[in-house]
């Protein structure tokens, strides 16, 4: 999860300590529509995975992103 937290922190301009499962566009002003696209792209690059449009649109918070990465065989705890 640290690797994924690092990606989120870099894209959203936050410290890793502030990344948690409930982090979402509702409680993080930096998580706007543009950064949502950047997040998906950076996650794909970092973990060597590809998401479908529907999978990407289903990510509503950090916890969802963690589950999605793991479902694709990525190790979010790296």
N, C-alpha and C. Protein backbone atom coordinates (compact mmCIF):
# COMPACT_ATOMS: atom_id res chain seq x y z
N UNK A 1 0.82 -1.20 0.00
CA UNK A 1 0.00 0.00 0.00
C UNK A 1 0.87 1.26 0.00
N UNK A 2 2.10 1.16 0.46
CA UNK A 2 2.97 2.34 0.49
C UNK A 2 3.24 2.88 -0.90
N UNK A 3 3.47 2.00 -1.85
CA UNK A 3 3.73 2.44 -3.22
C UNK A 3 2.51 3.19 -3.77
N UNK A 4 1.33 2.66 -3.53
CA UNK A 4 0.11 3.31 -4.00
C UNK A 4 -0.10 4.64 -3.28
N UNK A 5 0.17 4.67 -1.99
CA UNK A 5 0.07 5.92 -1.23
C UNK A 5 1.02 6.97 -1.79
N UNK A 6 2.20 6.53 -2.18
CA UNK A 6 3.19 7.46 -2.75
C UNK A 6 2.68 8.06 -4.06
N UNK A 7 2.03 7.25 -4.88
CA UNK A 7 1.46 7.75 -6.14
C UNK A 7 0.38 8.78 -5.83
N UNK A 8 -0.53 8.46 -4.93
CA UNK A 8 -1.60 9.39 -4.57
C UNK A 8 -1.03 10.68 -4.01
N UNK A 9 -0.06 10.57 -3.11
CA UNK A 9 0.54 11.74 -2.49
C UNK A 9 1.17 12.66 -3.54
N UNK A 10 1.88 12.07 -4.49
CA UNK A 10 2.55 12.85 -5.53
C UNK A 10 1.54 13.57 -6.42
N UNK A 11 0.51 12.87 -6.84
CA UNK A 11 -0.48 13.47 -7.75
C UNK A 11 -1.32 14.52 -7.04
N UNK A 12 -1.69 14.24 -5.80
CA UNK A 12 -2.59 15.15 -5.07
C UNK A 12 -1.86 16.20 -4.25
N UNK A 13 -0.53 16.14 -4.23
CA UNK A 13 0.24 17.14 -3.51
C UNK A 13 0.03 17.07 -2.00
N UNK A 14 -0.03 15.85 -1.47
CA UNK A 14 -0.27 15.64 -0.04
C UNK A 14 0.87 14.82 0.54
N UNK A 15 0.91 14.75 1.86
CA UNK A 15 1.88 13.85 2.48
C UNK A 15 1.29 12.44 2.55
N UNK A 16 2.15 11.46 2.49
CA UNK A 16 1.73 10.06 2.51
C UNK A 16 0.91 9.76 3.77
N UNK A 17 1.25 10.39 4.87
CA UNK A 17 0.54 10.15 6.13
C UNK A 17 -0.94 10.52 6.07
N UNK A 18 -1.30 11.38 5.13
CA UNK A 18 -2.70 11.82 5.01
C UNK A 18 -3.53 10.97 4.04
N UNK A 19 -2.92 9.96 3.46
CA UNK A 19 -3.63 9.08 2.54
C UNK A 19 -4.24 7.93 3.34
N UNK A 20 -5.55 7.74 3.21
CA UNK A 20 -6.26 6.69 3.93
C UNK A 20 -7.38 6.14 3.05
N UNK A 21 -7.93 5.00 3.45
CA UNK A 21 -8.94 4.32 2.61
C UNK A 21 -10.13 5.19 2.24
N UNK A 22 -10.52 6.10 3.11
CA UNK A 22 -11.70 6.92 2.86
C UNK A 22 -11.39 8.21 2.09
N UNK A 23 -10.13 8.42 1.74
CA UNK A 23 -9.78 9.61 0.97
C UNK A 23 -10.51 9.57 -0.36
N UNK A 24 -11.21 10.65 -0.70
CA UNK A 24 -12.01 10.67 -1.92
C UNK A 24 -12.14 12.11 -2.43
N UNK A 25 -12.71 12.28 -3.62
CA UNK A 25 -12.94 13.64 -4.11
C UNK A 25 -13.84 14.45 -3.18
N UNK A 26 -14.65 13.78 -2.38
CA UNK A 26 -15.54 14.48 -1.47
C UNK A 26 -14.80 15.16 -0.32
N UNK A 27 -13.65 14.60 0.06
CA UNK A 27 -12.93 15.19 1.20
C UNK A 27 -11.51 15.63 0.85
N UNK A 28 -11.19 15.65 -0.45
CA UNK A 28 -9.87 16.08 -0.91
C UNK A 28 -10.05 17.00 -2.11
N UNK A 29 -9.98 18.32 -1.89
CA UNK A 29 -10.20 19.27 -2.98
C UNK A 29 -9.25 19.08 -4.17
N UNK A 30 -8.05 18.56 -3.92
CA UNK A 30 -7.10 18.37 -5.01
C UNK A 30 -7.50 17.23 -5.95
N UNK A 31 -8.40 16.34 -5.48
CA UNK A 31 -8.83 15.20 -6.29
C UNK A 31 -9.98 15.65 -7.19
N UNK A 32 -9.62 16.41 -8.22
CA UNK A 32 -10.61 16.88 -9.17
C UNK A 32 -10.63 15.96 -10.40
N UNK A 33 -11.38 16.32 -11.40
CA UNK A 33 -11.52 15.43 -12.56
C UNK A 33 -10.21 15.24 -13.29
N UNK A 34 -9.40 16.27 -13.41
CA UNK A 34 -8.11 16.13 -14.09
C UNK A 34 -7.18 15.23 -13.29
N UNK A 35 -7.09 15.45 -11.99
CA UNK A 35 -6.23 14.61 -11.16
C UNK A 35 -6.72 13.18 -11.07
N UNK A 36 -8.01 12.96 -11.25
CA UNK A 36 -8.54 11.59 -11.27
C UNK A 36 -7.95 10.83 -12.47
N UNK A 37 -7.88 11.49 -13.60
CA UNK A 37 -7.30 10.88 -14.80
C UNK A 37 -5.81 10.64 -14.61
N UNK A 38 -5.13 11.63 -14.04
CA UNK A 38 -3.69 11.50 -13.79
C UNK A 38 -3.44 10.36 -12.80
N UNK A 39 -4.26 10.25 -11.77
CA UNK A 39 -4.11 9.16 -10.80
C UNK A 39 -4.17 7.80 -11.48
N UNK A 40 -5.18 7.60 -12.29
CA UNK A 40 -5.34 6.30 -12.97
C UNK A 40 -4.12 6.01 -13.84
N UNK A 41 -3.67 7.01 -14.59
CA UNK A 41 -2.51 6.84 -15.47
C UNK A 41 -1.25 6.50 -14.67
N UNK A 42 -1.03 7.22 -13.58
CA UNK A 42 0.16 7.00 -12.77
C UNK A 42 0.11 5.65 -12.05
N UNK A 43 -1.07 5.23 -11.63
CA UNK A 43 -1.22 3.92 -11.00
C UNK A 43 -0.90 2.82 -12.01
N UNK A 44 -1.43 2.98 -13.23
CA UNK A 44 -1.15 1.99 -14.28
C UNK A 44 0.35 1.88 -14.54
N UNK A 45 1.02 3.02 -14.61
CA UNK A 45 2.47 3.01 -14.85
C UNK A 45 3.23 2.39 -13.69
N UNK A 46 2.88 2.77 -12.48
CA UNK A 46 3.61 2.31 -11.29
C UNK A 46 3.49 0.81 -11.08
N UNK A 47 2.33 0.25 -11.41
CA UNK A 47 2.08 -1.17 -11.13
C UNK A 47 2.08 -2.04 -12.38
N UNK A 48 2.27 -1.45 -13.55
CA UNK A 48 2.31 -2.24 -14.78
C UNK A 48 0.98 -2.91 -15.08
N UNK A 49 -0.12 -2.21 -14.82
CA UNK A 49 -1.45 -2.76 -15.06
C UNK A 49 -2.22 -1.82 -15.98
N UNK A 50 -3.33 -2.30 -16.50
CA UNK A 50 -4.23 -1.49 -17.33
C UNK A 50 -5.64 -1.64 -16.79
N UNK A 51 -6.36 -0.54 -16.74
CA UNK A 51 -7.74 -0.54 -16.27
C UNK A 51 -8.68 -0.25 -17.42
N UNK A 52 -9.85 -0.87 -17.39
CA UNK A 52 -10.89 -0.53 -18.36
C UNK A 52 -11.51 0.79 -17.91
N UNK A 53 -12.26 1.40 -18.79
CA UNK A 53 -12.95 2.64 -18.46
C UNK A 53 -13.86 2.43 -17.25
N UNK A 54 -14.63 1.33 -17.26
CA UNK A 54 -15.56 1.05 -16.16
C UNK A 54 -14.83 0.85 -14.84
N UNK A 55 -13.69 0.18 -14.89
CA UNK A 55 -12.91 -0.02 -13.66
C UNK A 55 -12.41 1.33 -13.12
N UNK A 56 -11.90 2.15 -14.01
CA UNK A 56 -11.39 3.46 -13.59
C UNK A 56 -12.51 4.32 -13.00
N UNK A 57 -13.68 4.27 -13.62
CA UNK A 57 -14.81 5.08 -13.14
C UNK A 57 -15.37 4.57 -11.81
N UNK A 58 -15.08 3.33 -11.47
CA UNK A 58 -15.59 2.76 -10.22
C UNK A 58 -14.75 3.15 -9.01
N UNK A 59 -13.59 3.76 -9.24
CA UNK A 59 -12.73 4.18 -8.12
C UNK A 59 -13.29 5.45 -7.51
N UNK A 60 -13.83 5.30 -6.31
CA UNK A 60 -14.45 6.43 -5.61
C UNK A 60 -13.63 6.91 -4.42
N UNK A 61 -12.63 6.10 -4.01
CA UNK A 61 -11.78 6.49 -2.89
C UNK A 61 -10.48 5.67 -2.94
N UNK A 62 -9.57 5.96 -2.03
CA UNK A 62 -8.29 5.27 -2.01
C UNK A 62 -8.47 3.76 -1.80
N UNK A 63 -9.41 3.38 -0.95
CA UNK A 63 -9.68 1.96 -0.70
C UNK A 63 -10.08 1.23 -1.97
N UNK A 64 -10.90 1.88 -2.80
CA UNK A 64 -11.30 1.28 -4.09
C UNK A 64 -10.08 1.10 -4.99
N UNK A 65 -9.21 2.09 -4.99
CA UNK A 65 -8.01 2.00 -5.82
C UNK A 65 -7.12 0.83 -5.37
N UNK A 66 -7.00 0.66 -4.07
CA UNK A 66 -6.21 -0.45 -3.52
C UNK A 66 -6.77 -1.78 -3.99
N UNK A 67 -8.08 -1.95 -3.88
CA UNK A 67 -8.72 -3.21 -4.29
C UNK A 67 -8.55 -3.45 -5.79
N UNK A 68 -8.66 -2.39 -6.58
CA UNK A 68 -8.53 -2.52 -8.02
C UNK A 68 -7.11 -2.95 -8.40
N UNK A 69 -6.11 -2.32 -7.80
CA UNK A 69 -4.72 -2.68 -8.09
C UNK A 69 -4.49 -4.15 -7.73
N UNK A 70 -4.97 -4.55 -6.56
CA UNK A 70 -4.79 -5.94 -6.13
C UNK A 70 -5.52 -6.91 -7.05
N UNK A 71 -6.69 -6.53 -7.55
CA UNK A 71 -7.45 -7.41 -8.45
C UNK A 71 -6.73 -7.62 -9.78
N UNK A 72 -5.87 -6.67 -10.14
CA UNK A 72 -5.11 -6.76 -11.38
C UNK A 72 -3.76 -7.43 -11.19
N UNK A 73 -3.51 -7.90 -9.96
CA UNK A 73 -2.25 -8.59 -9.70
C UNK A 73 -1.16 -7.68 -9.21
N UNK A 74 -1.46 -6.39 -9.06
CA UNK A 74 -0.47 -5.47 -8.51
C UNK A 74 -0.41 -5.63 -7.00
N UNK A 75 0.75 -5.38 -6.47
CA UNK A 75 0.91 -5.49 -5.01
C UNK A 75 0.93 -4.09 -4.44
N UNK A 76 -0.21 -3.67 -3.88
CA UNK A 76 -0.32 -2.30 -3.38
C UNK A 76 0.49 -2.09 -2.12
N UNK A 77 0.98 -3.17 -1.51
CA UNK A 77 1.77 -3.02 -0.28
C UNK A 77 3.26 -2.83 -0.56
N UNK A 78 3.63 -2.84 -1.82
CA UNK A 78 5.06 -2.66 -2.17
C UNK A 78 5.51 -1.27 -1.79
